[in-house]
Amino acid sequence: MTSYWEDISHRLDAVNILLTIIERLQSNIATLKSAIQGKIPEARLAEIWLRLIDQLIEDIMYVSL
């Protein structure tokens, strides 16, 4: 039995946060893949990779607060 008056906003907030993290990670991975396929210098690839990791860590830390 479901209730039409039940407040599920706390569940939706969590889902929205996870979806935002996933979208950002997918975008960063796509950028990294493009850079790899574009044969850019290794130093630039390392910068992109570190930015991806830093962003993911930041997003995860935000969620755990």
N, C-alpha and C. Protein backbone atom coordinates (compact mmCIF):
# COMPACT_ATOMS: atom_id res chain seq x y z
N MET A 1 0.84 -1.17 0.00
CA MET A 1 0.00 0.00 0.00
C MET A 1 0.89 1.24 0.00
N THR A 2 0.63 2.16 -0.88
CA THR A 2 1.41 3.39 -0.94
C THR A 2 0.60 4.54 -0.39
N SER A 3 1.30 5.57 -0.04
CA SER A 3 0.64 6.74 0.51
C SER A 3 0.97 7.95 -0.35
N TYR A 4 -0.02 8.66 -0.79
CA TYR A 4 0.21 9.81 -1.65
C TYR A 4 0.79 10.98 -0.87
N TRP A 5 0.70 10.97 0.44
CA TRP A 5 1.17 12.08 1.25
C TRP A 5 2.58 11.87 1.79
N GLU A 6 3.18 10.74 1.50
CA GLU A 6 4.52 10.47 2.01
C GLU A 6 5.53 11.41 1.36
N ASP A 7 6.38 12.00 2.16
CA ASP A 7 7.41 12.91 1.66
C ASP A 7 8.64 12.10 1.28
N ILE A 8 8.94 12.06 0.00
CA ILE A 8 10.12 11.31 -0.47
C ILE A 8 11.23 12.24 -0.96
N SER A 9 11.13 13.52 -0.61
CA SER A 9 12.11 14.48 -1.11
C SER A 9 13.54 14.12 -0.68
N HIS A 10 13.70 13.56 0.51
CA HIS A 10 15.05 13.18 0.95
C HIS A 10 15.63 12.09 0.05
N ARG A 11 14.79 11.23 -0.47
CA ARG A 11 15.27 10.19 -1.40
C ARG A 11 15.62 10.81 -2.74
N LEU A 12 14.80 11.72 -3.19
CA LEU A 12 15.05 12.37 -4.48
C LEU A 12 16.31 13.22 -4.43
N ASP A 13 16.56 13.87 -3.30
CA ASP A 13 17.78 14.66 -3.16
C ASP A 13 19.01 13.78 -3.34
N ALA A 14 19.02 12.63 -2.71
CA ALA A 14 20.16 11.71 -2.83
C ALA A 14 20.33 11.24 -4.27
N VAL A 15 19.24 10.92 -4.92
CA VAL A 15 19.31 10.47 -6.32
C VAL A 15 19.85 11.58 -7.20
N ASN A 16 19.38 12.80 -6.99
CA ASN A 16 19.84 13.93 -7.80
C ASN A 16 21.33 14.20 -7.60
N ILE A 17 21.81 14.06 -6.39
CA ILE A 17 23.24 14.24 -6.12
C ILE A 17 24.04 13.18 -6.87
N LEU A 18 23.62 11.94 -6.77
CA LEU A 18 24.32 10.85 -7.47
C LEU A 18 24.30 11.05 -8.98
N LEU A 19 23.16 11.46 -9.52
CA LEU A 19 23.07 11.69 -10.96
C LEU A 19 24.01 12.81 -11.41
N THR A 20 24.13 13.85 -10.61
CA THR A 20 25.04 14.94 -10.93
C THR A 20 26.48 14.45 -10.95
N ILE A 21 26.86 13.66 -9.96
CA ILE A 21 28.22 13.10 -9.91
C ILE A 21 28.47 12.22 -11.12
N ILE A 22 27.51 11.39 -11.47
CA ILE A 22 27.66 10.49 -12.62
C ILE A 22 27.81 11.27 -13.91
N GLU A 23 26.98 12.29 -14.10
CA GLU A 23 27.05 13.09 -15.33
C GLU A 23 28.40 13.79 -15.45
N ARG A 24 28.89 14.34 -14.34
CA ARG A 24 30.18 15.02 -14.36
C ARG A 24 31.31 14.04 -14.65
N LEU A 25 31.25 12.85 -14.04
CA LEU A 25 32.27 11.84 -14.28
C LEU A 25 32.25 11.38 -15.73
N GLN A 26 31.07 11.16 -16.29
CA GLN A 26 30.97 10.75 -17.69
C GLN A 26 31.54 11.82 -18.61
N SER A 27 31.25 13.06 -18.32
CA SER A 27 31.78 14.16 -19.13
C SER A 27 33.30 14.21 -19.05
N ASN A 28 33.84 14.07 -17.85
CA ASN A 28 35.29 14.09 -17.68
C ASN A 28 35.96 12.90 -18.36
N ILE A 29 35.33 11.74 -18.31
CA ILE A 29 35.87 10.56 -18.98
C ILE A 29 35.85 10.76 -20.49
N ALA A 30 34.79 11.36 -21.01
CA ALA A 30 34.71 11.64 -22.45
C ALA A 30 35.81 12.60 -22.86
N THR A 31 36.09 13.60 -22.03
CA THR A 31 37.18 14.54 -22.31
C THR A 31 38.51 13.81 -22.34
N LEU A 32 38.73 12.93 -21.38
CA LEU A 32 39.97 12.17 -21.32
C LEU A 32 40.11 11.26 -22.55
N LYS A 33 39.03 10.60 -22.94
CA LYS A 33 39.07 9.73 -24.12
C LYS A 33 39.41 10.52 -25.37
N SER A 34 38.80 11.69 -25.51
CA SER A 34 39.08 12.54 -26.67
C SER A 34 40.55 12.96 -26.69
N ALA A 35 41.06 13.28 -25.53
CA ALA A 35 42.46 13.68 -25.44
C ALA A 35 43.38 12.52 -25.81
N ILE A 36 43.05 11.33 -25.37
CA ILE A 36 43.87 10.15 -25.70
C ILE A 36 43.83 9.91 -27.20
N GLN A 37 42.64 9.98 -27.78
CA GLN A 37 42.51 9.75 -29.22
C GLN A 37 43.16 10.86 -30.03
N GLY A 38 43.22 12.06 -29.46
CA GLY A 38 43.84 13.19 -30.14
C GLY A 38 45.35 13.18 -30.06
N LYS A 39 45.87 12.20 -29.37
CA LYS A 39 47.32 12.03 -29.24
C LYS A 39 48.00 13.30 -28.70
N ILE A 40 47.41 13.86 -27.67
CA ILE A 40 48.03 15.04 -27.07
C ILE A 40 49.20 14.61 -26.18
N PRO A 41 50.06 15.53 -25.81
CA PRO A 41 51.24 15.18 -25.00
C PRO A 41 50.86 14.54 -23.66
N GLU A 42 51.73 13.68 -23.21
CA GLU A 42 51.50 12.94 -21.96
C GLU A 42 51.29 13.88 -20.77
N ALA A 43 52.01 14.99 -20.75
CA ALA A 43 51.87 15.93 -19.63
C ALA A 43 50.45 16.48 -19.58
N ARG A 44 49.89 16.79 -20.73
CA ARG A 44 48.52 17.31 -20.80
C ARG A 44 47.52 16.22 -20.40
N LEU A 45 47.77 14.98 -20.83
CA LEU A 45 46.91 13.86 -20.43
C LEU A 45 46.91 13.70 -18.91
N ALA A 46 48.08 13.84 -18.33
CA ALA A 46 48.19 13.72 -16.87
C ALA A 46 47.39 14.81 -16.17
N GLU A 47 47.42 16.02 -16.72
CA GLU A 47 46.64 17.12 -16.15
C GLU A 47 45.15 16.82 -16.19
N ILE A 48 44.69 16.32 -17.33
CA ILE A 48 43.27 15.99 -17.49
C ILE A 48 42.89 14.88 -16.52
N TRP A 49 43.73 13.85 -16.43
CA TRP A 49 43.48 12.73 -15.53
C TRP A 49 43.40 13.21 -14.08
N LEU A 50 44.35 14.05 -13.66
CA LEU A 50 44.35 14.54 -12.29
C LEU A 50 43.14 15.41 -12.00
N ARG A 51 42.72 16.21 -12.98
CA ARG A 51 41.53 17.03 -12.81
C ARG A 51 40.29 16.14 -12.63
N LEU A 52 40.23 15.06 -13.41
CA LEU A 52 39.12 14.11 -13.31
C LEU A 52 39.08 13.50 -11.91
N ILE A 53 40.21 13.04 -11.44
CA ILE A 53 40.29 12.42 -10.11
C ILE A 53 39.96 13.44 -9.02
N ASP A 54 40.52 14.65 -9.13
CA ASP A 54 40.25 15.69 -8.13
C ASP A 54 38.76 16.01 -8.07
N GLN A 55 38.13 16.12 -9.24
CA GLN A 55 36.70 16.43 -9.28
C GLN A 55 35.88 15.31 -8.64
N LEU A 56 36.24 14.08 -8.92
CA LEU A 56 35.52 12.94 -8.34
C LEU A 56 35.67 12.91 -6.82
N ILE A 57 36.88 13.15 -6.34
CA ILE A 57 37.12 13.18 -4.89
C ILE A 57 36.32 14.31 -4.25
N GLU A 58 36.33 15.46 -4.89
CA GLU A 58 35.57 16.60 -4.36
C GLU A 58 34.07 16.28 -4.30
N ASP A 59 33.55 15.67 -5.35
CA ASP A 59 32.13 15.32 -5.38
C ASP A 59 31.79 14.31 -4.28
N ILE A 60 32.65 13.32 -4.11
CA ILE A 60 32.39 12.29 -3.09
C ILE A 60 32.49 12.89 -1.69
N MET A 61 33.44 13.78 -1.48
CA MET A 61 33.57 14.42 -0.17
C MET A 61 32.35 15.27 0.13
N TYR A 62 31.80 15.93 -0.89
CA TYR A 62 30.61 16.75 -0.71
C TYR A 62 29.43 15.88 -0.25
N VAL A 63 29.31 14.71 -0.84
CA VAL A 63 28.20 13.81 -0.50
C VAL A 63 28.34 13.30 0.93
N SER A 64 29.55 13.04 1.36
CA SER A 64 29.74 12.45 2.68
C SER A 64 29.61 13.46 3.81
N LEU A 65 29.47 14.74 3.49
CA LEU A 65 29.34 15.75 4.54
C LEU A 65 28.02 15.68 5.24
